[in-house]
PDB file of N, CA and C in Angstrom:
ATOM      1  N   MET A   1    -117.799 -61.985 138.023  1.00  0.00           N
ATOM      2  CA  MET A   1    -117.838 -63.546 138.188  1.00  0.00           C
ATOM      3  C   MET A   1    -118.751 -64.071 139.287  1.00  0.00           C
ATOM      4  N   THR A   2    -119.213 -65.157 139.038  1.00  0.00           N
ATOM      5  CA  THR A   2    -120.043 -65.782 139.954  1.00  0.00           C
ATOM      6  C   THR A   2    -119.413 -67.163 140.424  1.00  0.00           C
ATOM      7  N   LEU A   3    -119.115 -67.252 141.508  1.00  0.00           N
ATOM      8  CA  LEU A   3    -118.534 -68.488 141.983  1.00  0.00           C
ATOM      9  C   LEU A   3    -119.607 -69.580 142.073  1.00  0.00           C
ATOM     10  N   LYS A   4    -119.612 -70.601 141.373  1.00  0.00           N
ATOM     11  CA  LYS A   4    -120.669 -71.510 141.353  1.00  0.00           C
ATOM     12  C   LYS A   4    -120.391 -72.844 142.222  1.00  0.00           C
ATOM     13  N   CYS A   5    -119.060 -73.123 142.495  1.00  0.00           N
ATOM     14  CA  CYS A   5    -118.718 -74.305 143.086  1.00  0.00           C
ATOM     15  C   CYS A   5    -117.465 -74.070 143.762  1.00  0.00           C
ATOM     16  N   TYR A   6    -116.928 -75.042 144.681  1.00  0.00           N
ATOM     17  CA  TYR A   6    -115.678 -75.155 145.278  1.00  0.00           C
ATOM     18  C   TYR A   6    -114.585 -74.887 144.491  1.00  0.00           C
ATOM     19  N   ALA A   7    -114.455 -75.606 143.294  1.00  0.00           N
ATOM     20  CA  ALA A   7    -113.369 -75.339 142.538  1.00  0.00           C
ATOM     21  C   ALA A   7    -113.294 -73.875 141.994  1.00  0.00           C
ATOM     22  N   ASP A   8    -114.271 -73.325 141.823  1.00  0.00           N
ATOM     23  CA  ASP A   8    -114.264 -71.659 141.564  1.00  0.00           C
ATOM     24  C   ASP A   8    -113.604 -70.879 142.769  1.00  0.00           C
ATOM     25  N   VAL A   9    -113.828 -71.201 144.091  1.00  0.00           N
ATOM     26  CA  VAL A   9    -113.499 -70.633 145.112  1.00  0.00           C
ATOM     27  C   VAL A   9    -111.783 -70.891 145.259  1.00  0.00           C
ATOM     28  N   GLN A  10    -111.744 -72.135 145.200  1.00  0.00           N
ATOM     29  CA  GLN A  10    -110.130 -72.630 144.896  1.00  0.00           C
ATOM     30  C   GLN A  10    -109.298 -71.677 143.964  1.00  0.00           C
ATOM     31  N   ALA A  11    -110.007 -71.645 142.541  1.00  0.00           N
ATOM     32  CA  ALA A  11    -109.316 -71.088 141.744  1.00  0.00           C
ATOM     33  C   ALA A  11    -109.083 -69.443 141.984  1.00  0.00           C
ATOM     34  N   LEU A  12    -110.328 -68.864 142.453  1.00  0.00           N
ATOM     35  CA  LEU A  12    -110.232 -67.451 142.881  1.00  0.00           C
ATOM     36  C   LEU A  12    -109.026 -67.035 143.995  1.00  0.00           C
ATOM     37  N   ILE A  13    -108.923 -67.859 144.883  1.00  0.00           N
ATOM     38  CA  ILE A  13    -108.126 -67.486 146.151  1.00  0.00           C
ATOM     39  C   ILE A  13    -106.635 -67.849 145.460  1.00  0.00           C
ATOM     40  N   THR A  14    -106.515 -68.718 144.630  1.00  0.00           N
ATOM     41  CA  THR A  14    -104.905 -69.022 144.200  1.00  0.00           C
ATOM     42  C   THR A  14    -104.646 -67.917 143.319  1.00  0.00           C
ATOM     43  N   GLN A  15    -105.413 -67.379 142.444  1.00  0.00           N
ATOM     44  CA  GLN A  15    -105.286 -66.529 141.588  1.00  0.00           C
ATOM     45  C   GLN A  15    -104.909 -65.091 142.034  1.00  0.00           C
ATOM     46  N   VAL A  16    -105.731 -64.745 143.064  1.00  0.00           N
ATOM     47  CA  VAL A  16    -105.504 -63.334 143.862  1.00  0.00           C
ATOM     48  C   VAL A  16    -104.126 -63.595 144.486  1.00  0.00           C
ATOM     49  N   LEU A  17    -103.619 -64.829 145.189  1.00  0.00           N
ATOM     50  CA  LEU A  17    -102.382 -64.745 145.780  1.00  0.00           C
ATOM     51  C   LEU A  17    -101.439 -64.727 144.946  1.00  0.00           C
ATOM     52  N   THR A  18    -101.573 -65.369 143.587  1.00  0.00           N
ATOM     53  CA  THR A  18    -100.437 -65.453 142.800  1.00  0.00           C
ATOM     54  C   THR A  18    -100.374 -63.916 142.035  1.00  0.00           C
ATOM     55  N   ASP A  19    -101.464 -63.387 141.664  1.00  0.00           N
ATOM     56  CA  ASP A  19    -101.535 -61.989 141.184  1.00  0.00           C
ATOM     57  C   ASP A  19    -100.655 -61.046 142.192  1.00  0.00           C
ATOM     58  N   ASN A  20    -101.050 -61.164 143.241  1.00  0.00           N
ATOM     59  CA  ASN A  20    -100.262 -60.177 144.652  1.00  0.00           C
ATOM     60  C   ASN A  20     -98.735 -60.728 144.884  1.00  0.00           C
ATOM     61  N   HIS A  21     -98.433 -61.907 144.280  1.00  0.00           N
ATOM     62  CA  HIS A  21     -97.106 -62.398 144.651  1.00  0.00           C
ATOM     63  C   HIS A  21     -96.917 -62.713 146.267  1.00  0.00           C
ATOM     64  N   GLU A  22     -98.186 -63.548 146.563  1.00  0.00           N
ATOM     65  CA  GLU A  22     -97.990 -64.029 148.037  1.00  0.00           C
ATOM     66  C   GLU A  22     -97.616 -65.419 147.979  1.00  0.00           C
ATOM     67  N   SER A  23     -96.552 -65.525 149.092  1.00  0.00           N
ATOM     68  CA  SER A  23     -96.221 -67.074 149.020  1.00  0.00           C
ATOM     69  C   SER A  23     -96.889 -67.428 150.316  1.00  0.00           C
ATOM     70  N   VAL A  24     -97.555 -68.893 150.285  1.00  0.00           N
ATOM     71  CA  VAL A  24     -98.127 -69.520 151.392  1.00  0.00           C
ATOM     72  C   VAL A  24     -97.110 -70.514 151.848  1.00  0.00           C
ATOM     73  N   ARG A  25     -96.172 -70.592 151.275  1.00  0.00           N
ATOM     74  CA  ARG A  25     -95.079 -71.812 151.766  1.00  0.00           C
ATOM     75  C   ARG A  25     -95.119 -71.574 153.058  1.00  0.00           C
ATOM     76  N   ASP A  26     -94.710 -70.447 153.784  1.00  0.00           N
ATOM     77  CA  ASP A  26     -94.377 -70.299 155.290  1.00  0.00           C
ATOM     78  C   ASP A  26     -95.496 -69.959 156.081  1.00  0.00           C
ATOM     79  N   ALA A  27     -96.866 -69.923 155.400  1.00  0.00           N
ATOM     80  CA  ALA A  27     -98.074 -69.714 156.100  1.00  0.00           C
ATOM     81  C   ALA A  27     -98.240 -70.941 157.267  1.00  0.00           C
ATOM     82  N   PRO A  28     -98.915 -70.860 158.205  1.00  0.00           N
ATOM     83  CA  PRO A  28     -99.073 -71.882 158.993  1.00  0.00           C
ATOM     84  C   PRO A  28    -100.003 -73.358 158.397  1.00  0.00           C
ATOM     85  N   HIS A  29    -100.945 -72.633 157.659  1.00  0.00           N
ATOM     86  CA  HIS A  29    -101.864 -73.533 156.997  1.00  0.00           C
ATOM     87  C   HIS A  29    -101.730 -73.666 155.400  1.00  0.00           C
ATOM     88  N   HIS A  30    -100.425 -73.253 154.881  1.00  0.00           N
ATOM     89  CA  HIS A  30    -100.222 -73.260 153.555  1.00  0.00           C
ATOM     90  C   HIS A  30    -101.277 -73.047 152.660  1.00  0.00           C
ATOM     91  N   ASP A  31    -101.496 -73.770 151.527  1.00  0.00           N
ATOM     92  CA  ASP A  31    -102.702 -73.495 150.669  1.00  0.00           C
ATOM     93  C   ASP A  31    -103.883 -74.620 151.050  1.00  0.00           C
ATOM     94  N   PHE A  32    -104.338 -74.483 152.218  1.00  0.00           N
ATOM     95  CA  PHE A  32    -105.259 -75.202 152.554  1.00  0.00           C
ATOM     96  C   PHE A  32    -106.553 -75.382 151.758  1.00  0.00           C
ATOM     97  N   TRP A  33    -106.991 -74.178 151.176  1.00  0.00           N
ATOM     98  CA  TRP A  33    -107.999 -74.343 150.312  1.00  0.00           C
ATOM     99  C   TRP A  33    -107.942 -75.215 149.081  1.00  0.00           C
ATOM    100  N   ASN A  34    -106.785 -75.696 148.633  1.00  0.00           N
ATOM    101  CA  ASN A  34    -106.357 -76.635 147.462  1.00  0.00           C
ATOM    102  C   ASN A  34    -106.247 -78.091 148.176  1.00  0.00           C
ATOM    103  N   ARG A  35    -105.916 -78.039 149.468  1.00  0.00           N
ATOM    104  CA  ARG A  35    -105.506 -79.313 150.098  1.00  0.00           C
ATOM    105  C   ARG A  35    -106.534 -79.873 150.795  1.00  0.00           C
ATOM    106  N   LEU A  36    -107.574 -79.330 151.060  1.00  0.00           N
ATOM    107  CA  LEU A  36    -108.819 -79.903 151.729  1.00  0.00           C
ATOM    108  C   LEU A  36    -109.798 -80.172 150.763  1.00  0.00           C
ATOM    109  N   SER A  37    -110.593 -81.291 151.105  1.00  0.00           N
ATOM    110  CA  SER A  37    -111.846 -81.893 150.242  1.00  0.00           C
ATOM    111  C   SER A  37    -112.804 -80.823 150.476  1.00  0.00           C
ATOM    112  N   TYR A  38    -113.610 -80.797 149.411  1.00  0.00           N
ATOM    113  CA  TYR A  38    -114.950 -79.869 149.631  1.00  0.00           C
ATOM    114  C   TYR A  38    -115.518 -80.019 151.123  1.00  0.00           C
ATOM    115  N   VAL A  39    -115.863 -81.272 151.471  1.00  0.00           N
ATOM    116  CA  VAL A  39    -116.599 -81.674 152.704  1.00  0.00           C
ATOM    117  C   VAL A  39    -115.485 -81.117 153.916  1.00  0.00           C
ATOM    118  N   ASP A  40    -114.163 -81.179 153.697  1.00  0.00           N
ATOM    119  CA  ASP A  40    -113.365 -80.940 154.588  1.00  0.00           C
ATOM    120  C   ASP A  40    -113.238 -79.086 154.832  1.00  0.00           C
ATOM    121  N   PHE A  41    -113.431 -78.499 153.806  1.00  0.00           N
ATOM    122  CA  PHE A  41    -113.401 -77.022 153.799  1.00  0.00           C
ATOM    123  C   PHE A  41    -114.764 -76.521 154.188  1.00  0.00           C
ATOM    124  N   VAL A  42    -115.615 -76.981 153.860  1.00  0.00           N
ATOM    125  CA  VAL A  42    -117.062 -76.351 154.311  1.00  0.00           C
ATOM    126  C   VAL A  42    -117.669 -76.900 155.858  1.00  0.00           C
ATOM    127  N   ASN A  43    -117.020 -77.973 156.241  1.00  0.00           N
ATOM    128  CA  ASN A  43    -117.495 -78.534 157.602  1.00  0.00           C
ATOM    129  C   ASN A  43    -116.335 -78.379 158.684  1.00  0.00           C
ATOM    130  N   GLY A  44    -115.168 -78.103 158.141  1.00  0.00           N
ATOM    131  CA  GLY A  44    -114.028 -78.285 159.049  1.00  0.00           C
ATOM    132  C   GLY A  44    -113.545 -76.890 159.613  1.00  0.00           C
ATOM    133  N   VAL A  45    -112.372 -77.048 160.211  1.00  0.00           N
ATOM    134  CA  VAL A  45    -111.823 -75.735 160.956  1.00  0.00           C
ATOM    135  C   VAL A  45    -110.391 -75.434 160.239  1.00  0.00           C
ATOM    136  N   VAL A  46    -109.917 -74.328 160.416  1.00  0.00           N
ATOM    137  CA  VAL A  46    -108.933 -73.780 159.731  1.00  0.00           C
ATOM    138  C   VAL A  46    -107.949 -74.638 160.306  1.00  0.00           C
ATOM    139  N   PRO A  47    -106.812 -75.543 159.301  1.00  0.00           N
ATOM    140  CA  PRO A  47    -105.713 -76.269 159.601  1.00  0.00           C
ATOM    141  C   PRO A  47    -104.603 -75.525 160.342  1.00  0.00           C
ATOM    142  N   ASN A  48    -103.906 -75.922 161.344  1.00  0.00           N
ATOM    143  CA  ASN A  48    -102.922 -75.598 161.858  1.00  0.00           C
ATOM    144  C   ASN A  48    -102.815 -74.393 162.732  1.00  0.00           C
ATOM    145  N   VAL A  49    -104.102 -74.203 163.084  1.00  0.00           N
ATOM    146  CA  VAL A  49    -104.415 -72.941 164.002  1.00  0.00           C
ATOM    147  C   VAL A  49    -104.864 -73.575 165.477  1.00  0.00           C
ATOM    148  N   THR A  50    -103.877 -74.364 166.033  1.00  0.00           N
ATOM    149  CA  THR A  50    -104.370 -75.143 167.223  1.00  0.00           C
ATOM    150  C   THR A  50    -104.111 -74.183 168.223  1.00  0.00           C
ATOM    151  N   ASP A  51    -103.555 -73.132 168.400  1.00  0.00           N
ATOM    152  CA  ASP A  51    -103.300 -72.366 169.509  1.00  0.00           C
ATOM    153  C   ASP A  51    -104.275 -71.275 169.741  1.00  0.00           C
ATOM    154  N   ARG A  52    -105.267 -71.227 168.711  1.00  0.00           N
ATOM    155  CA  ARG A  52    -106.511 -70.429 168.875  1.00  0.00           C
ATOM    156  C   ARG A  52    -107.929 -71.132 168.973  1.00  0.00           C
ATOM    157  N   THR A  53    -108.555 -70.499 169.736  1.00  0.00           N
ATOM    158  CA  THR A  53    -110.143 -71.077 169.579  1.00  0.00           C
ATOM    159  C   THR A  53    -111.044 -70.037 169.110  1.00  0.00           C
ATOM    160  N   ASP A  54    -112.311 -70.340 168.684  1.00  0.00           N
ATOM    161  CA  ASP A  54    -113.346 -69.402 168.378  1.00  0.00           C
ATOM    162  C   ASP A  54    -113.650 -68.947 169.869  1.00  0.00           C
ATOM    163  N   PRO A  55    -113.613 -67.235 169.774  1.00  0.00           N
ATOM    164  CA  PRO A  55    -114.053 -67.065 171.329  1.00  0.00           C
ATOM    165  C   PRO A  55    -115.449 -67.016 171.716  1.00  0.00           C
ATOM    166  N   THR A  56    -116.311 -67.243 170.625  1.00  0.00           N
ATOM    167  CA  THR A  56    -117.750 -67.322 171.006  1.00  0.00           C
ATOM    168  C   THR A  56    -118.166 -68.728 171.447  1.00  0.00           C
ATOM    169  N   SER A  57    -117.332 -69.773 170.965  1.00  0.00           N
ATOM    170  CA  SER A  57    -117.535 -71.152 171.538  1.00  0.00           C
ATOM    171  C   SER A  57    -116.365 -71.917 172.277  1.00  0.00           C
ATOM    172  N   ASP A  58    -115.127 -71.299 172.075  1.00  0.00           N
ATOM    173  CA  ASP A  58    -113.985 -72.155 172.657  1.00  0.00           C
ATOM    174  C   ASP A  58    -113.697 -73.347 171.950  1.00  0.00           C
ATOM    175  N   ARG A  59    -114.248 -73.581 170.610  1.00  0.00           N
ATOM    176  CA  ARG A  59    -113.848 -74.462 169.967  1.00  0.00           C
ATOM    177  C   ARG A  59    -112.775 -74.288 169.028  1.00  0.00           C
ATOM    178  N   PRO A  60    -112.233 -75.024 168.109  1.00  0.00           N
ATOM    179  CA  PRO A  60    -111.254 -74.817 166.932  1.00  0.00           C
ATOM    180  C   PRO A  60    -112.165 -73.655 166.118  1.00  0.00           C
ATOM    181  N   VAL A  61    -111.383 -73.132 165.240  1.00  0.00           N
ATOM    182  CA  VAL A  61    -111.926 -71.930 164.379  1.00  0.00           C
ATOM    183  C   VAL A  61    -112.401 -72.568 163.195  1.00  0.00           C
ATOM    184  N   PRO A  62    -113.976 -72.694 163.041  1.00  0.00           N
ATOM    185  CA  PRO A  62    -114.471 -73.008 161.709  1.00  0.00           C
ATOM    186  C   PRO A  62    -114.052 -72.199 160.548  1.00  0.00           C
ATOM    187  N   ILE A  63    -113.981 -72.887 159.464  1.00  0.00           N
ATOM    188  CA  ILE A  63    -113.436 -71.964 158.060  1.00  0.00           C
ATOM    189  C   ILE A  63    -114.871 -71.113 157.917  1.00  0.00           C
ATOM    190  N   LEU A  64    -115.885 -71.825 157.690  1.00  0.00           N
ATOM    191  CA  LEU A  64    -117.301 -71.126 157.417  1.00  0.00           C
ATOM    192  C   LEU A  64    -118.212 -71.393 157.925  1.00  0.00           C
ATOM    193  N   VAL A  65    -119.598 -70.990 157.666  1.00  0.00           N
ATOM    194  CA  VAL A  65    -120.951 -71.256 158.223  1.00  0.00           C
ATOM    195  C   VAL A  65    -121.820 -71.224 157.031  1.00  0.00           C
ATOM    196  N   LYS A  66    -122.104 -72.330 156.433  1.00  0.00           N
ATOM    197  CA  LYS A  66    -122.610 -72.488 155.277  1.00  0.00           C
ATOM    198  C   LYS A  66    -123.997 -71.542 155.499  1.00  0.00           C
ATOM    199  N   GLY A  67    -124.210 -70.695 154.296  1.00  0.00           N
ATOM    200  CA  GLY A  67    -125.528 -69.891 154.277  1.00  0.00           C
ATOM    201  C   GLY A  67    -125.290 -68.676 155.295  1.00  0.00           C
ATOM    202  N   ASN A  68    -124.058 -68.270 155.856  1.00  0.00           N
ATOM    203  CA  ASN A  68    -124.026 -67.157 156.765  1.00  0.00           C
ATOM    204  C   ASN A  68    -122.460 -66.673 156.433  1.00  0.00           C
ATOM    205  N   SER A  69    -122.226 -65.881 155.555  1.00  0.00           N
ATOM    206  CA  SER A  69    -120.870 -65.356 155.136  1.00  0.00           C
ATOM    207  C   SER A  69    -120.335 -64.364 156.475  1.00  0.00           C
ATOM    208  N   ALA A  70    -121.468 -63.708 156.954  1.00  0.00           N
ATOM    209  CA  ALA A  70    -121.176 -62.700 158.108  1.00  0.00           C
ATOM    210  C   ALA A  70    -120.357 -63.296 159.218  1.00  0.00           C
ATOM    211  N   GLU A  71    -120.858 -64.591 159.512  1.00  0.00           N
ATOM    212  CA  GLU A  71    -120.318 -65.364 160.589  1.00  0.00           C
ATOM    213  C   GLU A  71    -119.194 -66.213 160.200  1.00  0.00           C
ATOM    214  N   SER A  72    -118.970 -66.401 159.065  1.00  0.00           N
ATOM    215  CA  SER A  72    -117.896 -67.124 158.541  1.00  0.00           C
ATOM    216  C   SER A  72    -116.399 -66.591 158.827  1.00  0.00           C
ATOM    217  N   ASN A  73    -115.644 -67.232 159.410  1.00  0.00           N
ATOM    218  CA  ASN A  73    -114.242 -66.867 159.555  1.00  0.00           C
ATOM    219  C   ASN A  73    -113.391 -66.536 158.475  1.00  0.00           C
ATOM    220  N   LEU A  74    -113.658 -67.352 157.415  1.00  0.00           N
ATOM    221  CA  LEU A  74    -112.915 -67.054 156.106  1.00  0.00           C
ATOM    222  C   LEU A  74    -113.081 -65.498 155.774  1.00  0.00           C
ATOM    223  N   ILE A  75    -114.495 -65.203 155.698  1.00  0.00           N
ATOM    224  CA  ILE A  75    -114.854 -63.810 155.351  1.00  0.00           C
ATOM    225  C   ILE A  75    -114.119 -62.782 156.137  1.00  0.00           C
ATOM    226  N   GLN A  76    -114.485 -63.135 157.752  1.00  0.00           N
ATOM    227  CA  GLN A  76    -113.748 -62.275 158.514  1.00  0.00           C
ATOM    228  C   GLN A  76    -112.230 -61.912 158.675  1.00  0.00           C
ATOM    229  N   ALA A  77    -111.606 -63.153 158.209  1.00  0.00           N
ATOM    230  CA  ALA A  77    -110.165 -63.091 158.071  1.00  0.00           C
ATOM    231  C   ALA A  77    -109.843 -61.960 156.817  1.00  0.00           C
ATOM    232  N   LEU A  78    -110.556 -62.337 155.594  1.00  0.00           N
ATOM    233  CA  LEU A  78    -110.343 -61.825 154.581  1.00  0.00           C
ATOM    234  C   LEU A  78    -110.604 -60.265 154.652  1.00  0.00           C
ATOM    235  N   ARG A  79    -111.573 -59.853 155.544  1.00  0.00           N
ATOM    236  CA  ARG A  79    -111.855 -58.439 155.946  1.00  0.00           C
ATOM    237  C   ARG A  79    -111.183 -57.709 156.969  1.00  0.00           C
ATOM    238  N   GLY A  80    -110.658 -58.620 157.963  1.00  0.00           N
ATOM    239  CA  GLY A  80    -109.739 -58.320 158.931  1.00  0.00           C
ATOM    240  C   GLY A  80    -110.609 -57.728 159.909  1.00  0.00           C
ATOM    241  N   GLN A  81    -111.658 -58.468 160.250  1.00  0.00           N
ATOM    242  CA  GLN A  81    -112.881 -58.196 161.021  1.00  0.00           C
ATOM    243  C   GLN A  81    -113.041 -59.367 162.358  1.00  0.00           C
ATOM    244  N   GLY A  82    -113.431 -59.000 163.430  1.00  0.00           N
ATOM    245  CA  GLY A  82    -113.928 -59.799 164.500  1.00  0.00           C
ATOM    246  C   GLY A  82    -112.896 -60.248 165.533  1.00  0.00           C
ATOM    247  N   PRO A  83    -113.048 -60.779 166.388  1.00  0.00           N
ATOM    248  CA  PRO A  83    -112.027 -60.669 167.519  1.00  0.00           C
ATOM    249  C   PRO A  83    -110.971 -61.389 167.336  1.00  0.00           C
ATOM    250  N   LEU A  84    -110.610 -62.365 166.100  1.00  0.00           N
ATOM    251  CA  LEU A  84    -109.522 -63.056 166.040  1.00  0.00           C
ATOM    252  C   LEU A  84    -108.882 -62.298 164.802  1.00  0.00           C
ATOM    253  N   PHE A  85    -109.485 -61.581 163.883  1.00  0.00           N
ATOM    254  CA  PHE A  85    -108.820 -60.965 162.686  1.00  0.00           C
ATOM    255  C   PHE A  85    -108.459 -59.524 162.383  1.00  0.00           C
ATOM    256  N   ASN A  86    -109.059 -58.973 163.532  1.00  0.00           N
ATOM    257  CA  ASN A  86    -108.722 -57.587 163.615  1.00  0.00           C
ATOM    258  C   ASN A  86    -107.543 -57.045 163.408  1.00  0.00           C
ATOM    259  N   PRO A  87    -106.926 -56.303 162.509  1.00  0.00           N
ATOM    260  CA  PRO A  87    -105.460 -56.174 162.360  1.00  0.00           C
ATOM    261  C   PRO A  87    -104.990 -55.219 163.576  1.00  0.00           C
ATOM    262  N   ASP A  88    -105.657 -54.634 164.358  1.00  0.00           N
ATOM    263  CA  ASP A  88    -105.340 -53.710 165.475  1.00  0.00           C
ATOM    264  C   ASP A  88    -105.043 -54.675 166.701  1.00  0.00           C
ATOM    265  N   ASP A  89    -106.089 -55.398 167.164  1.00  0.00           N
ATOM    266  CA  ASP A  89    -106.121 -56.100 168.341  1.00  0.00           C
ATOM    267  C   ASP A  89    -106.495 -57.711 168.316  1.00  0.00           C
ATOM    268  N   GLY A  90    -106.639 -58.317 167.103  1.00  0.00           N
ATOM    269  CA  GLY A  90    -107.090 -59.339 167.022  1.00  0.00           C
ATOM    270  C   GLY A  90    -105.742 -60.419 166.838  1.00  0.00           C
ATOM    271  N   PRO A  91    -105.602 -61.573 167.547  1.00  0.00           N
ATOM    272  CA  PRO A  91    -104.439 -62.294 167.920  1.00  0.00           C
ATOM    273  C   PRO A  91    -103.863 -62.972 166.209  1.00  0.00           C
ATOM    274  N   ILE A  92    -104.876 -63.008 165.307  1.00  0.00           N
ATOM    275  CA  ILE A  92    -104.309 -63.510 164.307  1.00  0.00           C
ATOM    276  C   ILE A  92    -104.093 -62.487 163.194  1.00  0.00           C
ATOM    277  N   GLY A  93    -104.889 -61.460 163.016  1.00  0.00           N
ATOM    278  CA  GLY A  93    -104.771 -60.459 161.996  1.00  0.00           C
ATOM    279  C   GLY A  93    -105.306 -60.679 160.813  1.00  0.00           C
ATOM    280  N   GLN A  94    -105.530 -59.672 159.932  1.00  0.00           N
ATOM    281  CA  GLN A  94    -106.332 -60.082 158.486  1.00  0.00           C
ATOM    282  C   GLN A  94    -105.324 -60.736 157.804  1.00  0.00           C
ATOM    283  N   MET A  95    -105.904 -61.412 156.817  1.00  0.00           N
ATOM    284  CA  MET A  95    -105.370 -62.512 155.733  1.00  0.00           C
ATOM    285  C   MET A  95    -105.263 -61.894 154.325  1.00  0.00           C
ATOM    286  N   PRO A  96    -104.473 -62.272 153.685  1.00  0.00           N
ATOM    287  CA  PRO A  96    -103.418 -63.277 153.953  1.00  0.00           C
ATOM    288  C   PRO A  96    -102.498 -62.521 154.848  1.00  0.00           C
ATOM    289  N   ALA A  97    -101.601 -63.204 155.440  1.00  0.00           N
ATOM    290  CA  ALA A  97    -100.742 -62.843 156.523  1.00  0.00           C
ATOM    291  C   ALA A  97     -99.672 -61.785 155.951  1.00  0.00           C
ATOM    292  N   ASN A  98     -99.413 -62.034 154.977  1.00  0.00           N
ATOM    293  CA  ASN A  98     -98.268 -61.504 154.139  1.00  0.00           C
ATOM    294  C   ASN A  98     -98.832 -60.153 153.593  1.00  0.00           C
ATOM    295  N   GLY A  99    -100.146 -59.670 153.635  1.00  0.00           N
ATOM    296  CA  GLY A  99    -100.684 -58.627 153.004  1.00  0.00           C
ATOM    297  C   GLY A  99    -100.236 -57.350 153.832  1.00  0.00           C
ATOM    298  N   PRO A 100    -100.385 -56.004 153.219  1.00  0.00           N
ATOM    299  CA  PRO A 100    -100.885 -56.026 151.732  1.00  0.00           C
ATOM    300  C   PRO A 100    -100.048 -56.211 150.727  1.00  0.00           C
ATOM    301  N   PRO A 101    -100.936 -56.545 149.482  1.00  0.00           N
ATOM    302  CA  PRO A 101    -102.115 -56.275 149.371  1.00  0.00           C
ATOM    303  C   PRO A 101    -103.060 -57.539 149.832  1.00  0.00           C
ATOM    304  N   PHE A 102    -104.396 -57.114 150.198  1.00  0.00           N
ATOM    305  CA  PHE A 102    -105.248 -57.906 150.675  1.00  0.00           C
ATOM    306  C   PHE A 102    -106.475 -58.021 149.541  1.00  0.00           C
ATOM    307  N   PHE A 103    -107.471 -59.052 149.636  1.00  0.00           N
ATOM    308  CA  PHE A 103    -108.460 -59.261 148.820  1.00  0.00           C
ATOM    309  C   PHE A 103    -109.129 -57.991 148.516  1.00  0.00           C
ATOM    310  N   THR A 104    -109.758 -57.578 147.401  1.00  0.00           N
ATOM    311  CA  THR A 104    -110.549 -56.292 147.186  1.00  0.00           C
ATOM    312  C   THR A 104    -111.901 -56.878 147.885  1.00  0.00           C
ATOM    313  N   ASP A 105    -112.814 -55.881 148.030  1.00  0.00           N
ATOM    314  CA  ASP A 105    -114.077 -55.908 148.427  1.00  0.00           C
ATOM    315  C   ASP A 105    -114.948 -56.803 147.384  1.00  0.00           C
ATOM    316  N   GLU A 106    -114.641 -56.600 146.174  1.00  0.00           N
ATOM    317  CA  GLU A 106    -115.431 -57.082 145.125  1.00  0.00           C
ATOM    318  C   GLU A 106    -115.141 -58.893 145.152  1.00  0.00           C
ATOM    319  N   GLN A 107    -113.737 -59.079 145.472  1.00  0.00           N
ATOM    320  CA  GLN A 107    -113.404 -60.698 145.577  1.00  0.00           C
ATOM    321  C   GLN A 107    -113.849 -61.217 146.898  1.00  0.00           C
ATOM    322  N   ILE A 108    -113.881 -60.460 148.019  1.00  0.00           N
ATOM    323  CA  ILE A 108    -114.594 -61.011 149.233  1.00  0.00           C
ATOM    324  C   ILE A 108    -116.111 -61.323 148.924  1.00  0.00           C
ATOM    325  N   LYS A 109    -116.735 -60.240 148.210  1.00  0.00           N
ATOM    326  CA  LYS A 109    -118.324 -60.476 148.098  1.00  0.00           C
ATOM    327  C   LYS A 109    -118.373 -61.887 147.125  1.00  0.00           C
ATOM    328  N   GLU A 110    -117.537 -61.972 146.360  1.00  0.00           N
ATOM    329  CA  GLU A 110    -117.836 -63.236 145.482  1.00  0.00           C
ATOM    330  C   GLU A 110    -117.781 -64.515 146.206  1.00  0.00           C
ATOM    331  N   ILE A 111    -116.764 -64.341 147.234  1.00  0.00           N
ATOM    332  CA  ILE A 111    -116.708 -65.617 148.323  1.00  0.00           C
ATOM    333  C   ILE A 111    -117.549 -65.746 149.217  1.00  0.00           C
ATOM    334  N   ALA A 112    -118.181 -64.415 149.699  1.00  0.00           N
ATOM    335  CA  ALA A 112    -119.171 -64.241 150.605  1.00  0.00           C
ATOM    336  C   ALA A 112    -120.721 -64.942 149.972  1.00  0.00           C
ATOM    337  N   ASP A 113    -120.951 -64.434 148.816  1.00  0.00           N
ATOM    338  CA  ASP A 113    -121.957 -64.760 147.848  1.00  0.00           C
ATOM    339  C   ASP A 113    -122.296 -66.327 147.839  1.00  0.00           C
ATOM    340  N   TRP A 114    -120.965 -66.978 147.654  1.00  0.00           N
ATOM    341  CA  TRP A 114    -120.964 -68.433 147.461  1.00  0.00           C
ATOM    342  C   TRP A 114    -121.163 -69.138 148.762  1.00  0.00           C
ATOM    343  N   ILE A 115    -120.712 -68.409 149.813  1.00  0.00           N
ATOM    344  CA  ILE A 115    -121.248 -68.936 151.098  1.00  0.00           C
ATOM    345  C   ILE A 115    -122.642 -68.798 151.442  1.00  0.00           C
ATOM    346  N   ASP A 116    -122.965 -67.572 151.145  1.00  0.00           N
ATOM    347  CA  ASP A 116    -124.570 -67.330 151.626  1.00  0.00           C
ATOM    348  C   ASP A 116    -125.381 -68.242 150.529  1.00  0.00           C
ATOM    349  N   ALA A 117    -124.985 -68.681 149.488  1.00  0.00           N
ATOM    350  CA  ALA A 117    -125.844 -69.455 148.633  1.00  0.00           C
ATOM    351  C   ALA A 117    -125.836 -70.967 149.129  1.00  0.00           C
ATOM    352  N   GLY A 118    -125.211 -71.116 150.304  1.00  0.00           N
ATOM    353  CA  GLY A 118    -125.195 -72.692 150.817  1.00  0.00           C
ATOM    354  C   GLY A 118    -123.548 -73.167 150.486  1.00  0.00           C
ATOM    355  N   ALA A 119    -122.869 -72.572 149.910  1.00  0.00           N
ATOM    356  CA  ALA A 119    -121.481 -73.175 149.585  1.00  0.00           C
ATOM    357  C   ALA A 119    -121.618 -74.288 148.607  1.00  0.00           C
ATOM    358  N   PRO A 120    -122.189 -74.106 147.436  1.00  0.00           N
ATOM    359  CA  PRO A 120    -122.511 -75.417 146.845  1.00  0.00           C
ATOM    360  C   PRO A 120    -121.140 -75.916 146.371  1.00  0.00           C
ATOM    361  N   GLU A 121    -121.400 -77.388 146.107  1.00  0.00           N
ATOM    362  CA  GLU A 121    -120.035 -78.351 145.866  1.00  0.00           C
ATOM    363  C   GLU A 121    -119.864 -77.811 144.229  1.00  0.00           C
TER     364      GLU A 121
END
C-alpha cells in the first residue's frame, strides 16, 4: 500500500490500532491524527505532551519533519528509537503506549515513505 495523502495516513493508523484492539481513549493525546488538520499534523507538535521537550532543541516535540522520516518523532515513536522513545531509557517509550503489539516494520515504512515524499496533503 502506498500512502498518497494525509487521509491515507489517518486511515492506516486507525486501522492498525483497531486491528490490535488498542484503546486511545486514555492516551494523553487520544486520536490526535484524526483530530488535527493536515496543516497542524505536519507543522505541529505532539498534543498534550507538555512535560517533555525535544532534547535537541528544548522545544515542544514536533510530530514530523517533512522530507525526513529519520528525524521525525512519529517514526521514532513507532520504532521505539531516539532519546524520547527508546523503551529502555526514554521518558516516553515506544508507541502505541499500550503495545505490544506495535506497528510492523512495513507499516512504519509506509508512513516513513509518505513523510520522505514531503508529506503530501
